[in-house]
Protein backbone atom coordinates (compact mmCIF):
# COMPACT_ATOMS: atom_id res chain seq x y z
CA MET A 1 0.00 0.00 0.00
CA ASP A 2 1.14 3.56 -0.77
CA ILE A 3 0.71 6.12 2.03
CA ILE A 4 1.18 9.89 2.14
CA ILE A 5 3.23 10.62 5.26
CA GLY A 6 3.74 14.38 5.10
CA ASP A 7 4.22 17.40 2.87
CA PHE A 8 6.37 20.47 2.45
CA GLU A 9 6.48 23.57 0.28
CA LEU A 10 9.15 25.09 -1.93
CA TYR A 11 8.58 28.85 -2.01
CA LEU A 12 10.45 30.53 -4.87
CA HIS A 13 10.42 34.32 -4.87
CA PHE A 14 11.52 35.79 -8.20
CA GLN A 15 12.10 39.20 -9.73
CA ARG A 16 9.24 40.14 -12.03
CA GLN A 17 9.97 41.31 -15.58
CA SER A 18 13.48 39.85 -15.37
CA ALA A 19 15.48 38.14 -18.12
CA THR A 20 16.08 34.39 -18.53
CA PRO A 21 12.72 33.29 -17.08
CA GLN A 22 13.64 29.66 -17.69
CA ARG A 23 15.97 29.85 -14.68
CA ILE A 24 12.95 29.79 -12.36
CA PHE A 25 11.44 26.59 -13.70
CA LYS A 26 14.78 24.82 -14.18
CA SER A 27 15.81 25.65 -10.62
CA GLN A 28 12.52 24.36 -9.23
CA ALA A 29 12.66 21.17 -11.30
CA ASP A 30 16.29 20.41 -10.40
CA LEU A 31 15.63 21.05 -6.71
CA ILE A 32 12.60 18.74 -6.66
CA VAL A 33 14.66 15.98 -8.30
CA ALA A 34 17.47 16.41 -5.72
CA LEU A 35 15.09 16.39 -2.74
CA ALA A 36 13.18 13.39 -4.10
CA LYS A 37 16.39 11.36 -4.30
CA LEU A 38 17.39 12.53 -0.82
CA ASP A 39 14.02 11.51 0.64
CA ASP A 40 14.26 8.05 -0.92
CA LEU A 41 17.70 7.42 0.57
CA LEU A 42 16.64 8.85 3.95
CA ALA A 43 13.73 6.40 4.01
CA GLN A 44 16.13 3.51 3.41
CA THR A 45 18.10 4.48 6.52
CA VAL A 46 14.89 3.70 8.42
CA ALA A 47 14.32 0.37 6.67
CA GLN A 48 16.07 -1.02 3.61
CA GLU A 49 12.84 -1.85 1.79
CA LEU A 50 11.24 1.61 2.06
CA HIS A 51 10.96 3.96 -0.91
CA VAL A 52 9.59 7.49 -1.12
CA GLU A 53 8.36 9.52 -4.08
CA LEU A 54 7.39 13.18 -4.18
CA ILE A 55 4.02 13.98 -5.72
CA LEU A 56 2.74 17.43 -6.66
CA ASP A 57 -0.11 18.47 -4.38
CA ASP A 58 -0.58 22.10 -5.41
CA VAL A 59 1.02 25.03 -7.24
CA GLN A 60 0.25 28.65 -6.38
CA VAL A 61 1.20 31.68 -8.42
CA GLY A 62 2.43 35.11 -7.38
CA SER A 63 5.67 33.73 -6.15
CA LEU A 64 6.07 30.12 -7.31
CA ARG A 65 4.86 27.92 -4.45
CA SER A 66 5.01 24.17 -5.01
CA LYS A 67 3.41 21.98 -2.37
CA LEU A 68 4.85 18.46 -2.46
CA ALA A 69 3.60 15.39 -0.63
CA MET A 70 5.87 12.52 0.41
CA LEU A 71 4.43 9.19 -0.73
CA LEU A 72 5.76 6.09 1.02
CA ARG A 73 5.64 3.33 -1.57
CA GLU A 74 4.73 -0.31 -0.89
CA VAL A 75 4.59 -0.01 2.88
CA PRO A 76 4.97 -3.43 4.60
CA ASP A 77 1.62 -4.81 5.76
CA GLU A 78 2.71 -4.99 9.40
CA ALA A 79 3.44 -1.24 9.39
CA ILE A 80 0.15 -0.11 7.85
CA LYS A 81 -1.75 -0.40 11.13
CA ASP A 82 0.90 1.53 13.04
CA PHE A 83 -0.16 5.13 12.45
CA ASP A 84 2.38 6.46 14.96
CA TRP A 85 5.20 4.81 12.99
CA GLN A 86 4.01 6.44 9.77
CA LYS A 87 3.98 9.84 11.48
CA LEU A 88 7.48 9.24 12.84
CA VAL A 89 8.84 8.46 9.38
CA GLY A 90 7.16 11.52 7.89
CA HIS A 91 8.51 13.77 10.65
CA PHE A 92 12.00 12.31 10.21
CA LEU A 93 12.04 13.06 6.47
CA LEU A 94 10.92 16.66 7.04
CA LYS A 95 13.37 17.23 9.90
CA ALA A 96 16.36 15.63 8.14
CA LYS A 97 15.94 17.88 5.09
CA TYR A 98 15.56 20.91 7.36
CA VAL A 99 18.74 20.04 9.29
CA LEU A 100 20.80 19.63 6.12
CA LEU A 101 19.51 22.84 4.52
CA LYS A 102 19.94 24.77 7.78
CA HIS A 103 23.62 23.82 7.96
CA LEU A 104 24.06 25.15 4.41
CA GLU A 105 22.19 28.37 5.25
CA ASP A 106 24.26 29.08 8.35
CA THR A 107 27.70 28.82 6.76
CA GLY A 108 29.35 29.65 3.46
CA GLU A 109 31.47 26.51 3.35
CA PHE A 110 32.74 23.58 5.37
CA THR A 111 36.34 23.67 6.50
CA SER A 112 36.70 20.10 7.79
CA GLY A 113 35.37 16.65 7.08
CA GLN A 114 34.14 16.49 10.67
CA GLN A 115 31.45 19.07 9.87
CA ILE A 116 30.05 16.78 7.18
CA LYS A 117 30.27 13.78 9.50
CA ALA A 118 28.40 15.74 12.16
CA ILE A 119 25.49 16.22 9.74
CA GLN A 120 25.60 12.52 8.87
CA GLN A 121 25.42 11.57 12.54
CA GLU A 122 22.73 14.14 13.35
CA ILE A 123 20.50 12.75 10.60
CA GLN A 124 21.08 9.22 11.86
CA SER A 125 20.10 10.25 15.40
CA LEU A 126 16.88 11.77 14.02
CA ALA A 127 16.03 8.38 12.50
CA GLU A 128 16.43 6.46 15.77
CA PRO A 129 12.79 6.99 16.96
CA THR A 130 11.58 5.25 13.79
CA GLN A 131 13.26 1.97 14.73
CA PRO A 132 10.90 -0.81 15.92
CA ASN A 133 12.94 -1.70 19.01
CA GLN A 134 16.14 -0.86 20.84
CA LEU A 135 18.03 -3.71 19.19
CA THR A 136 17.86 -2.17 15.72
CA VAL A 137 19.87 0.84 14.64
CA ALA A 138 19.09 3.30 11.87
CA GLY A 139 21.44 3.32 8.91
CA GLN A 140 23.63 6.19 7.76
CA ILE A 141 23.73 8.10 4.51
CA PRO A 142 27.19 7.37 3.03
CA LEU A 143 29.39 10.44 3.04
CA ASP A 144 29.84 10.39 -0.73
CA LYS A 145 26.05 10.36 -1.16
CA LEU A 146 25.65 13.19 1.35
CA THR A 147 28.18 15.42 -0.40
CA GLY A 148 26.52 14.56 -3.72
CA PHE A 149 23.15 15.76 -2.42
CA ILE A 150 24.70 18.97 -1.11
CA GLU A 151 26.23 19.63 -4.53
CA SER A 152 22.93 18.90 -6.32
CA ILE A 153 20.91 21.16 -4.02
CA VAL A 154 23.32 24.08 -4.30
CA ARG A 155 23.64 23.60 -8.06
CA SER A 156 19.84 23.73 -8.45
CA VAL A 157 19.57 27.22 -6.91
CA SER A 158 22.85 28.74 -8.11
CA PRO A 159 21.41 30.00 -11.48
CA LEU A 160 18.90 32.24 -9.67
CA SER A 161 19.35 36.00 -9.86
CA SER A 162 20.34 38.12 -6.87
CA GLY A 163 16.72 39.11 -6.23
CA ASP A 164 15.49 35.51 -6.30
CA TYR A 165 15.44 33.06 -3.41
CA VAL A 166 13.99 29.68 -2.44
CA GLU A 167 12.65 28.65 0.96
CA TYR A 168 11.95 25.15 2.21
CA ARG A 169 8.81 25.36 4.34
CA SER A 170 7.47 22.56 6.50
CA ALA A 171 5.89 21.78 9.84
CA VAL A 172 9.36 21.52 11.42
CA GLY A 173 10.55 24.95 10.25
CA ASN A 174 11.49 27.18 7.34
CA VAL A 175 14.95 27.62 5.89
CA ARG A 176 16.29 29.64 2.96
CA LEU A 177 18.52 27.76 0.53
CA ASN A 178 22.03 29.15 0.14
CA PRO A 179 22.99 29.48 -3.56
CA ASN A 180 26.49 30.69 -2.65
CA PHE A 181 27.57 27.73 -0.54
CA ASN A 182 31.03 26.57 -1.64
CA THR A 183 30.92 22.94 -2.78
CA SER A 184 34.30 22.82 -4.53
CA ASN A 185 36.15 21.36 -1.52
CA LEU A 186 33.60 18.78 -0.30
CA ASN A 187 35.21 15.70 -1.83
CA ALA A 188 38.68 16.75 -0.68
CA LEU A 189 37.47 17.33 2.89
CA VAL A 190 35.82 13.94 3.16
CA ALA A 191 38.66 12.07 1.45
CA ALA A 192 41.22 13.69 3.75
CA ASP A 193 39.32 12.77 6.88
CA ALA A 194 39.50 9.33 8.51
CA GLN A 195 36.28 7.61 7.50
CA THR A 196 35.55 5.28 10.35
CA THR A 197 32.23 4.68 12.10
CA GLU A 198 31.34 2.75 15.24
CA HIS A 199 27.77 1.72 16.09
CA GLU A 200 25.85 -1.03 17.84
CA TYR A 201 24.02 -3.36 15.45
CA LEU A 202 21.92 -6.49 15.61
CA MET A 203 23.50 -8.81 13.02
CA LYS A 204 22.21 -12.23 12.02
CA ILE A 205 24.98 -14.85 11.97
CA LYS A 206 25.36 -16.55 8.59
CA ARG A 207 28.72 -18.25 9.17
CA ALA A 208 30.65 -18.51 12.43
CA ASP A 209 34.41 -18.89 12.76
CA PHE A 210 34.94 -22.02 14.86
CA LEU A 211 38.72 -22.13 14.36
CA GLY A 212 39.57 -18.62 15.46
CA ASP A 213 41.57 -17.46 12.45
CA SER A 214 39.01 -16.30 9.89
CA MET A 215 36.09 -13.91 9.41
CA TRP A 216 32.47 -14.24 10.48
CA ASP A 217 29.67 -13.62 7.98
CA PHE A 218 26.62 -11.60 9.04
CA MET A 219 23.45 -10.16 7.54
CA LEU A 220 23.38 -6.43 8.30
CA ARG A 221 20.46 -4.32 7.11
CA GLY A 222 19.64 -6.68 4.27
CA ARG A 223 23.15 -7.36 2.95
CA MET A 224 25.98 -9.73 3.71
CA ILE A 225 29.15 -8.50 5.40
CA SER A 226 32.29 -10.22 6.68
CA ALA A 227 33.86 -9.09 9.95
CA LYS A 228 36.63 -10.20 12.27
CA ILE A 229 35.75 -10.37 15.97
CA VAL A 230 38.47 -8.88 18.18
CA ASP A 231 36.60 -9.24 21.49
CA ASN A 232 39.08 -11.79 22.85
CA ASP A 233 37.29 -12.46 26.15
CA TRP A 234 34.09 -13.37 24.29
CA LEU A 235 36.00 -15.46 21.74
CA VAL A 236 37.66 -17.51 24.49
CA GLU A 237 34.28 -18.34 26.00
CA PHE A 238 32.87 -19.19 22.57
CA HIS A 239 35.73 -21.47 21.52
CA GLU A 240 35.73 -23.20 24.91
CA GLY A 241 32.03 -23.99 24.48
CA ARG A 242 30.69 -21.73 27.24
CA ILE A 243 28.73 -19.74 24.64
CA ASN A 244 26.54 -21.63 22.18
CA ILE A 245 25.58 -20.34 18.74
CA LEU A 246 22.48 -21.88 17.15
CA PRO A 247 21.16 -21.52 13.58
CA GLY A 248 19.28 -18.24 13.20
CA ASP A 249 21.00 -16.54 16.16
CA SER A 250 22.16 -12.93 15.98
CA LEU A 251 24.86 -10.95 17.72
CA LEU A 252 24.20 -7.59 19.31
CA ALA A 253 27.63 -6.07 18.88
CA ARG A 254 29.61 -2.88 18.48
CA LEU A 255 30.83 -2.75 14.90
CA ARG A 256 33.58 -0.57 13.49
CA THR A 257 33.48 0.11 9.75
CA GLU A 258 36.39 1.68 7.89
CA TYR A 259 35.78 3.12 4.43
CA THR A 260 38.43 3.54 1.76
CA TYR A 261 37.80 5.25 -1.55
CA GLY A 262 39.50 5.57 -4.88
CA PRO A 263 39.60 8.86 -6.80
CA ASN A 264 36.25 10.72 -6.85
CA PHE A 265 34.81 8.20 -4.35
CA ARG A 266 34.98 5.34 -6.84
CA ASN A 267 35.73 1.72 -5.93
CA ALA A 268 34.65 2.18 -2.32
CA GLN A 269 35.66 -0.62 0.04
CA GLU A 270 34.45 -1.39 3.56
CA HIS A 271 36.36 -3.17 6.31
CA HIS A 272 34.33 -4.39 9.30
CA THR A 273 35.54 -5.27 12.80
CA VAL A 274 33.42 -6.44 15.74
CA LEU A 275 34.93 -4.62 18.70
CA LYS A 276 32.61 -5.92 21.42
CA VAL A 277 29.95 -8.64 21.54
CA LEU A 278 27.17 -7.43 23.82
CA ASP A 279 24.73 -10.34 23.62
CA VAL A 280 23.61 -13.39 21.65
CA ILE A 281 19.98 -12.98 20.55
CA ARG A 282 17.97 -16.16 19.99
CA HIS A 283 15.46 -16.35 17.17
């Protein structure tokens, strides 16, 4: 089932009787495309199977005001009855866009990769209330995707004239988009910064290491990963038989992920390490 979970408005004020009128419509179209892609990826940080589309709800003239609704596509049957969950997802999508755009409004450029990481982590924390229980953790937008969205958003409003501006308006707040934000250094900032994350995850065990010298295989958020466990105290108990692992069991563990990239973020590789096993969860 498809469900509308919220809406927002793009308010574009433009100079009347000005040249190059196509700039107004191109800017609006490019911005809608960028925000639609951002919403879809944000939804997948809540749950891998979720997808969001933007649909046009209304257009008002004077200044160009486009009201856009967020349509959650093919919502799982078990979630349809949970109206509170639907509201949480809708609020998260509105708030996450506001947070990102507000950071761009408040500064002319980023000077360190940590500023971009802080946005990534803030958005992830906003998604936490949407998780079904305390054992699941919201995903993160990859840094290369996040910088790509920033570039697309700024590029969409940069052709506007000095008397033009765009505001994102929603129930969580209004923010004016910054067409002068410097995006030229984003890739360099992220590439220069150590790209390592640590989070607690519930991971289903697909293959255990019974010999102690190889990797474990897990299912994490719908995909397979391999990770080495370096929690030696837990490993000793496991290999001595004091901890039993049964088919279908999961580990609640603290996972470190290191990202390495080639030029222009191509050929990304991930290296996973389980730092601490917190519990074995039976299924």
